[in-house]
N, C-alpha and C. Protein backbone atom coordinates (compact mmCIF):
# COMPACT_ATOMS: atom_id res chain seq x y z
N MET A 1 -10.83 -5.96 0.74
CA MET A 1 -9.90 -4.89 1.69
C MET A 1 -8.49 -4.97 0.98
N ARG A 2 -7.82 -3.51 1.27
CA ARG A 2 -6.87 -3.13 0.63
C ARG A 2 -5.40 -3.82 1.77
N LYS A 3 -4.39 -4.16 1.04
CA LYS A 3 -3.49 -4.53 1.69
C LYS A 3 -2.77 -3.33 2.53
N HIS A 4 -2.21 -3.61 3.77
CA HIS A 4 -1.77 -2.17 4.42
C HIS A 4 -0.24 -2.45 4.19
N ASN A 5 0.50 -1.61 3.70
CA ASN A 5 1.96 -1.32 3.31
C ASN A 5 2.64 -0.57 4.04
N GLY A 6 2.00 -0.31 5.26
CA GLY A 6 2.70 0.53 6.36
C GLY A 6 2.53 1.94 6.39
N MET A 7 2.56 2.70 7.36
CA MET A 7 2.71 3.97 7.59
C MET A 7 3.44 4.84 6.50
N ARG A 8 3.17 5.79 6.17
CA ARG A 8 4.30 7.04 5.58
C ARG A 8 4.47 8.15 6.40
N PRO A 9 5.54 8.89 6.29
CA PRO A 9 5.53 9.96 7.01
C PRO A 9 4.65 11.06 6.72
N GLN A 10 4.00 11.11 5.54
CA GLN A 10 2.89 12.13 5.21
C GLN A 10 1.39 11.79 5.94
N ASP A 11 1.62 10.23 6.67
CA ASP A 11 0.33 10.13 7.28
C ASP A 11 0.20 11.07 8.65
N ILE A 12 1.52 10.68 9.07
CA ILE A 12 1.55 11.72 10.71
C ILE A 12 1.18 12.96 10.14
N VAL A 13 1.71 13.69 9.48
CA VAL A 13 1.53 15.22 9.03
C VAL A 13 0.01 15.58 8.97
N ILE A 14 -0.49 14.65 8.04
CA ILE A 14 -1.93 14.48 7.72
C ILE A 14 -2.85 14.67 9.18
N LEU A 15 -2.61 13.45 9.94
CA LEU A 15 -3.41 13.49 11.09
C LEU A 15 -2.97 14.69 11.94
N LEU A 16 -1.92 15.10 12.28
CA LEU A 16 -1.78 16.18 12.79
C LEU A 16 -2.44 17.45 12.48
N LYS A 17 -2.50 17.77 10.83
CA LYS A 17 -3.41 19.08 10.40
C LYS A 17 -4.79 18.74 10.93
N ILE A 18 -5.55 17.51 10.76
CA ILE A 18 -6.62 17.31 11.26
C ILE A 18 -7.00 17.65 12.48
N MET A 19 -5.95 17.43 13.24
CA MET A 19 -6.08 17.52 14.65
C MET A 19 -5.88 19.04 15.11
N ALA A 20 -5.13 19.74 14.40
CA ALA A 20 -4.90 21.20 14.55
C ALA A 20 -6.37 22.07 13.96
N LEU A 21 -7.04 21.71 12.86
CA LEU A 21 -7.91 22.10 12.40
C LEU A 21 -8.99 22.08 13.36
N ASN A 22 -9.29 20.58 14.02
CA ASN A 22 -10.14 20.60 15.19
C ASN A 22 -11.89 21.08 14.88
N VAL A 23 -11.97 20.90 13.69
CA VAL A 23 -13.41 20.71 13.38
C VAL A 23 -13.75 19.51 12.27
N PRO A 24 -15.35 19.21 12.65
CA PRO A 24 -15.34 17.75 12.05
C PRO A 24 -16.06 17.97 10.85
N ASP A 25 -15.95 19.07 9.86
CA ASP A 25 -16.44 19.21 8.38
C ASP A 25 -15.18 19.69 7.71
N TRP A 26 -13.89 18.85 7.95
CA TRP A 26 -12.86 19.34 7.30
C TRP A 26 -12.62 18.86 5.88
N LYS A 27 -12.33 19.25 4.87
CA LYS A 27 -12.55 18.41 3.71
C LYS A 27 -11.07 17.95 3.31
N MET A 28 -10.96 16.93 2.40
CA MET A 28 -9.93 16.27 1.89
C MET A 28 -8.86 17.60 1.13
N LYS A 29 -9.37 18.00 0.27
CA LYS A 29 -9.05 19.10 -0.72
C LYS A 29 -8.29 20.12 0.10
N ASP A 30 -8.84 20.63 1.14
CA ASP A 30 -8.17 21.60 1.67
C ASP A 30 -6.66 21.32 2.49
N ILE A 31 -7.23 19.91 3.20
CA ILE A 31 -5.54 19.32 3.65
C ILE A 31 -4.81 19.22 2.88
N ALA A 32 -5.14 18.60 1.42
CA ALA A 32 -4.23 18.56 0.56
C ALA A 32 -3.25 19.78 -0.14
N LEU A 33 -4.20 20.80 -0.25
CA LEU A 33 -3.79 22.22 -0.65
C LEU A 33 -2.92 22.71 0.44
N SER A 34 -3.47 22.58 1.50
CA SER A 34 -2.57 23.37 3.01
C SER A 34 -1.04 22.57 3.45
N LEU A 35 -1.08 21.23 2.92
CA LEU A 35 0.34 20.43 3.04
C LEU A 35 0.84 20.25 1.52
N ALA A 36 0.16 21.05 0.51
CA ALA A 36 0.93 20.71 -0.63
C ALA A 36 1.46 19.51 -0.97
N ILE A 37 0.27 18.50 -1.16
CA ILE A 37 0.38 17.26 -1.52
C ILE A 37 -0.97 17.03 -2.34
N SER A 38 -1.00 15.88 -3.01
CA SER A 38 -2.37 15.85 -3.87
C SER A 38 -3.17 15.27 -3.02
N PRO A 39 -4.57 15.31 -3.65
CA PRO A 39 -5.60 14.96 -2.80
C PRO A 39 -5.83 13.28 -2.80
N SER A 40 -5.03 12.61 -3.91
CA SER A 40 -4.94 11.05 -3.91
C SER A 40 -4.01 10.67 -2.50
N GLU A 41 -3.00 11.70 -2.35
CA GLU A 41 -1.96 11.11 -1.53
C GLU A 41 -3.05 11.08 -0.07
N VAL A 42 -3.96 12.16 0.18
CA VAL A 42 -4.89 12.52 1.28
C VAL A 42 -5.61 11.08 1.22
N THR A 43 -6.25 10.72 0.78
CA THR A 43 -7.05 9.67 0.41
C THR A 43 -6.37 8.28 0.59
N GLU A 44 -5.18 8.20 0.38
CA GLU A 44 -4.30 7.05 0.37
C GLU A 44 -3.90 6.63 2.02
N SER A 45 -3.55 7.90 2.30
CA SER A 45 -3.12 7.98 3.64
C SER A 45 -4.01 7.92 4.65
N LEU A 46 -5.28 8.35 4.49
CA LEU A 46 -6.36 8.13 5.38
C LEU A 46 -6.62 6.67 5.71
N GLU A 47 -6.51 5.98 4.18
CA GLU A 47 -6.85 4.61 4.31
C GLU A 47 -5.85 3.94 5.23
N ARG A 48 -4.50 4.47 4.88
CA ARG A 48 -3.41 3.66 5.86
C ARG A 48 -3.59 4.06 7.34
N SER A 49 -4.03 5.32 7.54
CA SER A 49 -4.26 5.35 8.89
C SER A 49 -5.46 4.78 9.76
N SER A 50 -6.62 4.43 8.73
CA SER A 50 -7.65 3.61 9.20
C SER A 50 -7.38 2.37 9.64
N LEU A 51 -6.66 1.63 8.51
CA LEU A 51 -6.33 0.10 8.56
C LEU A 51 -5.44 0.20 9.78
N ALA A 52 -4.62 1.19 10.21
CA ALA A 52 -3.63 1.00 11.53
C ALA A 52 -4.40 1.71 12.74
N GLY A 53 -5.59 1.93 12.64
CA GLY A 53 -6.29 2.28 13.87
C GLY A 53 -6.05 3.75 14.30
N LEU A 54 -5.56 4.34 13.65
CA LEU A 54 -5.22 5.99 13.67
C LEU A 54 -6.29 7.10 13.22
N ILE A 55 -7.33 6.59 12.61
CA ILE A 55 -8.20 7.43 12.35
C ILE A 55 -9.52 6.53 12.41
N ALA A 56 -10.81 6.78 12.56
CA ALA A 56 -11.93 5.86 12.87
C ALA A 56 -12.14 5.24 11.39
N LYS A 57 -13.07 4.21 11.27
CA LYS A 57 -13.50 3.67 10.03
C LYS A 57 -14.14 4.76 9.17
N ASP A 58 -14.60 5.59 9.54
CA ASP A 58 -15.41 6.81 8.66
C ASP A 58 -14.37 7.74 8.16
N LYS A 59 -13.20 7.73 8.70
CA LYS A 59 -11.86 8.59 8.35
C LYS A 59 -12.27 10.00 8.33
N ARG A 60 -12.93 10.36 9.36
CA ARG A 60 -13.11 11.46 9.52
C ARG A 60 -12.79 12.01 11.15
N ARG A 61 -12.64 11.21 11.98
CA ARG A 61 -12.11 11.24 13.49
C ARG A 61 -10.96 10.61 13.86
N VAL A 62 -10.13 11.69 14.13
CA VAL A 62 -8.83 10.88 14.42
C VAL A 62 -8.99 10.13 15.97
N MET A 63 -8.42 8.98 15.98
CA MET A 63 -8.30 8.24 17.33
C MET A 63 -7.20 8.91 17.91
N ARG A 64 -7.65 9.70 18.95
CA ARG A 64 -6.45 10.81 19.53
C ARG A 64 -5.51 9.96 20.42
N ASP A 65 -6.11 9.11 21.34
CA ASP A 65 -5.40 7.96 22.42
C ASP A 65 -4.42 7.50 21.36
N ASN A 66 -4.79 6.61 20.26
CA ASN A 66 -3.80 5.61 19.50
C ASN A 66 -2.76 6.52 18.82
N VAL A 67 -2.98 7.85 18.49
CA VAL A 67 -2.35 8.50 17.76
C VAL A 67 -1.06 8.77 18.37
N LEU A 68 -1.74 9.21 19.80
CA LEU A 68 -0.55 9.73 21.07
C LEU A 68 0.06 8.81 21.34
N GLU A 69 -0.19 7.45 21.51
CA GLU A 69 0.51 6.32 21.91
C GLU A 69 1.56 6.04 20.74
N PHE A 70 1.35 6.02 19.75
CA PHE A 70 2.07 6.12 18.52
C PHE A 70 3.13 7.04 18.58
N LEU A 71 2.58 8.12 18.46
CA LEU A 71 3.97 9.43 18.32
C LEU A 71 4.86 9.03 19.65
N VAL A 72 4.15 8.79 20.66
CA VAL A 72 5.32 8.89 21.74
C VAL A 72 6.11 7.70 22.04
N HIS A 73 5.52 6.50 21.47
CA HIS A 73 6.40 5.49 21.46
C HIS A 73 7.04 4.74 20.36
N GLY A 74 6.34 5.24 19.27
CA GLY A 74 6.78 4.44 18.26
C GLY A 74 7.55 5.34 17.20
N LEU A 75 6.96 6.54 17.03
CA LEU A 75 7.55 7.34 15.84
C LEU A 75 8.89 7.57 15.62
N LYS A 76 9.66 7.91 16.46
CA LYS A 76 11.15 7.71 16.36
C LYS A 76 11.70 6.60 15.98
N TYR A 77 11.16 5.52 16.02
CA TYR A 77 11.57 4.14 15.49
C TYR A 77 11.00 3.84 13.81
N VAL A 78 10.04 4.34 13.89
CA VAL A 78 9.30 4.42 12.36
C VAL A 78 9.92 5.03 11.57
N PHE A 79 10.06 6.26 11.82
CA PHE A 79 10.44 7.58 11.36
C PHE A 79 11.40 8.23 11.88
N PRO A 80 12.68 7.75 11.93
CA PRO A 80 13.85 8.48 12.98
C PRO A 80 14.44 9.54 12.18
N ALA A 81 14.66 10.77 12.99
CA ALA A 81 15.12 11.94 12.84
C ALA A 81 16.31 11.66 11.86
N VAL A 82 16.48 12.49 10.73
CA VAL A 82 17.76 12.41 9.92
C VAL A 82 17.95 14.02 9.91
N PHE A 83 19.32 14.14 10.32
CA PHE A 83 20.10 15.44 10.26
C PHE A 83 20.37 15.91 9.00
N GLY A 84 20.36 17.43 8.58
CA GLY A 84 20.87 18.14 7.31
C GLY A 84 22.00 18.79 8.05
N PRO A 85 22.83 19.62 7.07
CA PRO A 85 23.58 20.67 7.48
C PRO A 85 23.14 21.65 8.49
N SER A 86 24.04 22.36 9.05
CA SER A 86 23.61 23.58 9.80
C SER A 86 23.20 24.46 8.44
N ALA A 87 22.08 25.25 8.66
CA ALA A 87 21.50 25.76 7.98
C ALA A 87 20.54 27.05 8.36
N GLY A 88 20.13 27.86 7.52
CA GLY A 88 18.91 28.98 8.01
C GLY A 88 17.44 28.27 7.94
N GLY A 89 16.76 28.37 9.02
CA GLY A 89 15.54 28.20 8.78
C GLY A 89 14.57 28.91 10.12
N ILE A 90 13.49 27.65 9.98
CA ILE A 90 12.71 28.08 11.26
C ILE A 90 13.01 27.03 12.59
N SER A 91 12.83 27.49 13.81
CA SER A 91 12.88 26.41 14.70
C SER A 91 12.20 25.38 14.84
N THR A 92 12.39 24.57 15.35
CA THR A 92 11.67 23.11 15.62
C THR A 92 12.25 22.21 16.75
N ALA A 93 11.47 21.22 16.98
CA ALA A 93 11.96 20.70 17.95
C ALA A 93 11.65 21.23 19.36
N HIS A 94 12.69 21.15 20.27
CA HIS A 94 12.68 22.00 21.56
C HIS A 94 12.93 23.60 21.57
N SER A 95 13.49 24.03 20.22
CA SER A 95 13.84 25.09 19.95
C SER A 95 12.64 26.35 19.77
N ALA A 96 11.41 25.05 19.35
CA ALA A 96 10.36 25.99 18.95
C ALA A 96 9.15 26.15 19.94
N PRO A 97 8.23 27.13 19.88
CA PRO A 97 7.09 26.91 20.98
C PRO A 97 6.55 25.34 20.77
N PRO A 98 5.72 24.98 22.14
CA PRO A 98 6.10 25.55 23.30
C PRO A 98 7.24 25.33 24.04
N LEU A 99 7.98 24.39 23.65
CA LEU A 99 9.23 23.79 24.51
C LEU A 99 10.36 24.78 24.92
N ASP A 100 10.30 25.85 23.52
CA ASP A 100 11.44 26.75 23.87
C ASP A 100 11.76 27.53 25.17
N SER A 101 10.39 27.76 25.75
CA SER A 101 10.30 28.33 26.97
C SER A 101 10.74 27.73 28.27
N LEU A 102 10.91 26.34 27.70
CA LEU A 102 10.81 25.33 29.17
C LEU A 102 12.30 24.56 29.11
N VAL A 103 13.10 24.50 28.15
CA VAL A 103 14.33 23.97 27.86
C VAL A 103 15.36 24.67 27.52
N ALA A 104 16.32 24.89 28.16
CA ALA A 104 17.34 25.89 28.08
C ALA A 104 18.46 24.91 27.04
N SER A 105 18.96 25.49 26.22
CA SER A 105 19.98 24.57 25.17
C SER A 105 20.31 25.85 24.51
N ASN A 106 21.86 25.44 24.15
CA ASN A 106 22.61 26.38 23.04
C ASN A 106 22.37 25.44 21.54
N VAL A 107 21.61 24.53 21.42
CA VAL A 107 21.43 24.00 20.31
C VAL A 107 20.11 24.75 19.81
N VAL A 108 20.10 25.00 18.52
CA VAL A 108 18.78 25.42 17.78
C VAL A 108 18.21 24.83 16.54
N TYR A 109 17.67 23.99 16.62
CA TYR A 109 17.53 22.97 15.66
C TYR A 109 16.51 23.64 14.75
N VAL A 110 16.28 23.39 13.47
CA VAL A 110 15.65 23.87 12.38
C VAL A 110 15.17 23.06 11.48
N TRP A 111 14.03 23.42 10.41
CA TRP A 111 13.73 23.03 9.42
C TRP A 111 14.43 24.16 8.32
N GLN A 112 14.87 23.50 7.47
CA GLN A 112 15.54 24.62 6.18
C GLN A 112 14.46 25.39 5.73
N TYR A 113 14.43 26.64 5.85
CA TYR A 113 13.26 27.37 5.21
C TYR A 113 13.87 28.86 4.78
N PRO A 114 13.75 29.04 3.64
CA PRO A 114 14.51 30.56 3.03
C PRO A 114 14.26 31.58 3.96
N ASP A 115 13.04 31.94 4.29
CA ASP A 115 12.62 33.14 5.06
C ASP A 115 12.78 32.97 6.65
N GLY A 116 13.44 31.80 7.14
CA GLY A 116 13.70 31.74 8.42
C GLY A 116 14.89 32.38 9.01
N THR A 117 14.61 32.71 10.33
CA THR A 117 15.37 33.82 10.88
C THR A 117 16.21 33.07 11.76
N LYS A 118 16.60 31.78 12.00
CA LYS A 118 17.28 30.98 12.86
C LYS A 118 18.29 30.24 12.41
N PHE A 119 19.47 29.87 13.04
CA PHE A 119 20.52 28.89 12.39
C PHE A 119 20.96 28.16 13.16
N GLY A 120 21.02 26.83 12.64
CA GLY A 120 21.47 25.78 13.48
C GLY A 120 21.38 24.34 12.92
N PRO A 121 21.62 23.22 13.35
CA PRO A 121 21.69 22.04 12.81
C PRO A 121 20.30 21.65 12.54
N SER A 122 19.87 21.19 11.05
CA SER A 122 18.85 21.10 10.21
C SER A 122 18.27 19.54 10.64
N ILE A 123 16.81 19.53 10.72
CA ILE A 123 16.30 18.29 10.78
C ILE A 123 15.61 18.24 9.30
N ILE A 124 15.68 17.08 8.86
CA ILE A 124 14.82 16.75 7.65
C ILE A 124 13.37 16.59 7.88
N PRO A 125 12.25 17.69 7.45
CA PRO A 125 11.03 17.31 7.92
C PRO A 125 10.42 16.06 7.64
N LEU A 126 9.18 15.77 8.16
CA LEU A 126 8.65 14.55 7.51
C LEU A 126 8.26 14.44 6.32
N ILE A 127 7.67 15.47 5.47
CA ILE A 127 7.39 15.35 4.06
C ILE A 127 8.21 17.05 3.97
N PRO A 128 8.36 17.47 2.91
CA PRO A 128 9.28 18.56 2.43
C PRO A 128 8.45 19.88 2.76
N SER A 129 7.12 19.45 2.65
CA SER A 129 6.14 21.18 2.99
C SER A 129 5.92 21.59 4.29
N VAL A 130 6.57 20.83 5.22
CA VAL A 130 6.19 20.82 6.73
C VAL A 130 6.76 22.54 6.93
N PRO A 131 7.92 22.89 6.45
CA PRO A 131 8.08 24.64 6.96
C PRO A 131 7.27 25.38 6.69
N GLN A 132 6.58 25.01 5.22
CA GLN A 132 5.64 25.99 4.80
C GLN A 132 4.09 25.79 5.38
N ALA A 133 3.89 24.58 5.49
CA ALA A 133 2.29 24.29 6.18
C ALA A 133 2.66 25.03 7.76
N ALA A 134 3.87 24.67 8.51
CA ALA A 134 4.06 25.03 9.75
C ALA A 134 3.90 26.78 9.82
N MET A 135 4.35 27.40 8.90
CA MET A 135 4.31 29.15 8.88
C MET A 135 3.00 29.49 8.27
N ARG A 136 1.90 28.50 8.08
CA ARG A 136 0.64 29.14 7.79
C ARG A 136 -0.57 28.64 8.90
N ASP A 137 0.13 27.91 9.91
CA ASP A 137 -0.84 27.18 10.66
C ASP A 137 -0.09 27.19 11.88
N SER A 138 -0.33 28.06 12.74
CA SER A 138 0.52 28.09 14.20
C SER A 138 0.18 26.80 15.03
N LYS A 139 -0.95 26.40 14.70
CA LYS A 139 -1.35 25.05 15.89
C LYS A 139 -0.75 23.91 15.25
N LEU A 140 -0.54 23.76 13.80
CA LEU A 140 0.18 22.63 13.37
C LEU A 140 1.77 22.67 13.57
N TYR A 141 2.26 24.12 13.70
CA TYR A 141 3.44 24.30 13.66
C TYR A 141 3.76 23.62 15.32
N GLU A 142 2.90 23.91 16.22
CA GLU A 142 3.48 23.77 17.60
C GLU A 142 3.30 21.75 17.66
N LEU A 143 2.31 21.30 17.20
CA LEU A 143 2.33 19.81 17.05
C LEU A 143 3.35 19.30 16.19
N LEU A 144 3.78 19.54 15.31
CA LEU A 144 5.06 19.22 14.47
C LEU A 144 6.07 19.43 15.09
N ALA A 145 6.58 20.54 16.10
CA ALA A 145 7.75 20.73 16.93
C ALA A 145 7.66 19.89 17.79
N LEU A 146 6.39 19.68 18.71
CA LEU A 146 6.42 18.55 19.50
C LEU A 146 6.78 17.35 19.15
N VAL A 147 6.26 16.82 18.00
CA VAL A 147 6.84 15.45 17.45
C VAL A 147 8.28 15.41 17.03
N GLU A 148 8.61 16.59 16.68
CA GLU A 148 10.11 16.74 16.43
C GLU A 148 10.99 16.51 17.60
N SER A 149 10.40 16.87 18.82
CA SER A 149 11.25 16.89 19.98
C SER A 149 11.24 15.31 20.46
N LEU A 150 10.06 14.86 19.97
CA LEU A 150 9.77 13.42 20.01
C LEU A 150 10.90 12.35 19.51
N ARG A 151 11.31 12.70 18.40
CA ARG A 151 11.98 12.14 17.43
C ARG A 151 13.44 12.32 17.96
N VAL A 152 13.93 13.59 18.59
CA VAL A 152 15.41 14.06 18.54
C VAL A 152 15.84 14.32 19.90
N GLY A 153 15.05 14.38 20.87
CA GLY A 153 15.07 15.15 22.20
C GLY A 153 15.46 13.69 23.10
N GLN A 154 16.34 14.31 24.28
CA GLN A 154 16.92 13.71 25.26
C GLN A 154 15.52 13.25 25.79
N VAL A 155 15.60 12.46 27.08
CA VAL A 155 14.57 12.15 27.74
C VAL A 155 13.80 13.09 28.39
N ARG A 156 14.74 13.87 28.85
CA ARG A 156 13.69 15.38 29.39
C ARG A 156 12.81 15.75 28.38
N GLU A 157 13.52 16.14 27.21
CA GLU A 157 12.53 16.62 26.21
C GLU A 157 11.58 16.01 25.76
N ARG A 158 11.69 14.61 25.45
CA ARG A 158 10.72 13.92 25.08
C ARG A 158 9.32 13.54 26.25
N ASN A 159 9.89 13.64 27.28
CA ASN A 159 8.76 13.70 28.12
C ASN A 159 8.00 14.73 28.32
N LEU A 160 8.69 15.95 28.45
CA LEU A 160 7.75 17.47 28.06
C LEU A 160 7.16 17.39 27.12
N ALA A 161 7.82 17.10 26.07
CA ALA A 161 6.85 17.07 24.49
C ALA A 161 5.57 16.08 24.76
N ALA A 162 5.73 14.78 25.45
CA ALA A 162 4.58 13.89 25.34
C ALA A 162 3.77 14.38 26.34
N GLN A 163 4.22 15.15 27.32
CA GLN A 163 2.67 15.79 28.38
C GLN A 163 2.32 16.84 27.60
N ILE A 164 3.10 17.78 27.04
CA ILE A 164 2.51 18.89 26.42
C ILE A 164 1.45 18.21 25.20
N LEU A 165 1.90 17.36 24.16
CA LEU A 165 1.16 16.78 23.41
C LEU A 165 -0.17 16.35 23.65
N GLU A 166 -0.10 15.61 24.71
CA GLU A 166 -1.18 15.12 25.14
C GLU A 166 -2.29 16.23 25.32
N LYS A 167 -1.83 17.45 26.27
CA LYS A 167 -2.74 18.17 26.57
C LYS A 167 -3.22 19.03 25.12
N VAL A 168 -2.07 19.17 24.09
CA VAL A 168 -2.72 19.85 23.02
C VAL A 168 -3.87 18.95 21.97
N ILE A 169 -3.25 17.90 21.97
CA ILE A 169 -4.28 17.01 21.38
C ILE A 169 -5.43 16.86 21.82
N TRP A 170 -5.72 16.76 23.06
CA TRP A 170 -7.02 16.89 23.82
C TRP A 170 -7.73 18.31 24.14
N ASN A 171 -7.00 19.14 23.58
CA ASN A 171 -7.60 20.78 23.80
C ASN A 171 -7.67 20.85 25.26
N ILE A 172 -6.70 20.63 26.25
CA ILE A 172 -6.71 20.90 27.68
C ILE A 172 -5.79 22.07 27.70
N PRO A 173 -6.24 22.98 28.31
CA PRO A 173 -5.30 24.14 28.36
C PRO A 173 -4.08 23.77 29.38
N THR A 174 -3.01 24.57 28.47
CA THR A 174 -1.51 24.39 29.16
C THR A 174 -1.18 25.63 29.97
N ILE A 175 -0.65 25.39 30.97
CA ILE A 175 0.01 26.56 31.68
C ILE A 175 1.74 26.50 31.57
N ALA A 176 2.04 27.18 30.65
CA ALA A 176 3.57 27.23 30.47
C ALA A 176 4.11 28.45 30.88
């Protein structure tokens, strides 16, 4: 058995991508391509996630309850948000759907992105390819934005993000 050296930020993004796909026959090479990471990084990530109990031993089924528990209660401590300068980019956290319609704020958080239309304090994404991957996959974007709310939000935003994230992870229709 391989030694577990702890989770890495790409592990979270890969798990979210698998959940966003919501199909049992996803391929590692497609995950790698969509996230602009190497196939070996996906393989190693799935091994770490399996050892952590976030994906089943077969490395095909995400353990949704475990992932939700980790995201809501541990993510901000393991991968705290790091802020960059104010910049142009795409909205994230409570500034992006689905929270943007529920949270009134003068602050627009962004991931820096050259084609972005928003301007505000930037959050360094979990991995550099997050903005591009989010722009190509609306479900992944929603999950990533909710995760950012868990990392940077105040109590109200974190609670709303957790409630919505649970419904999205379990594919329960939300009323927003």
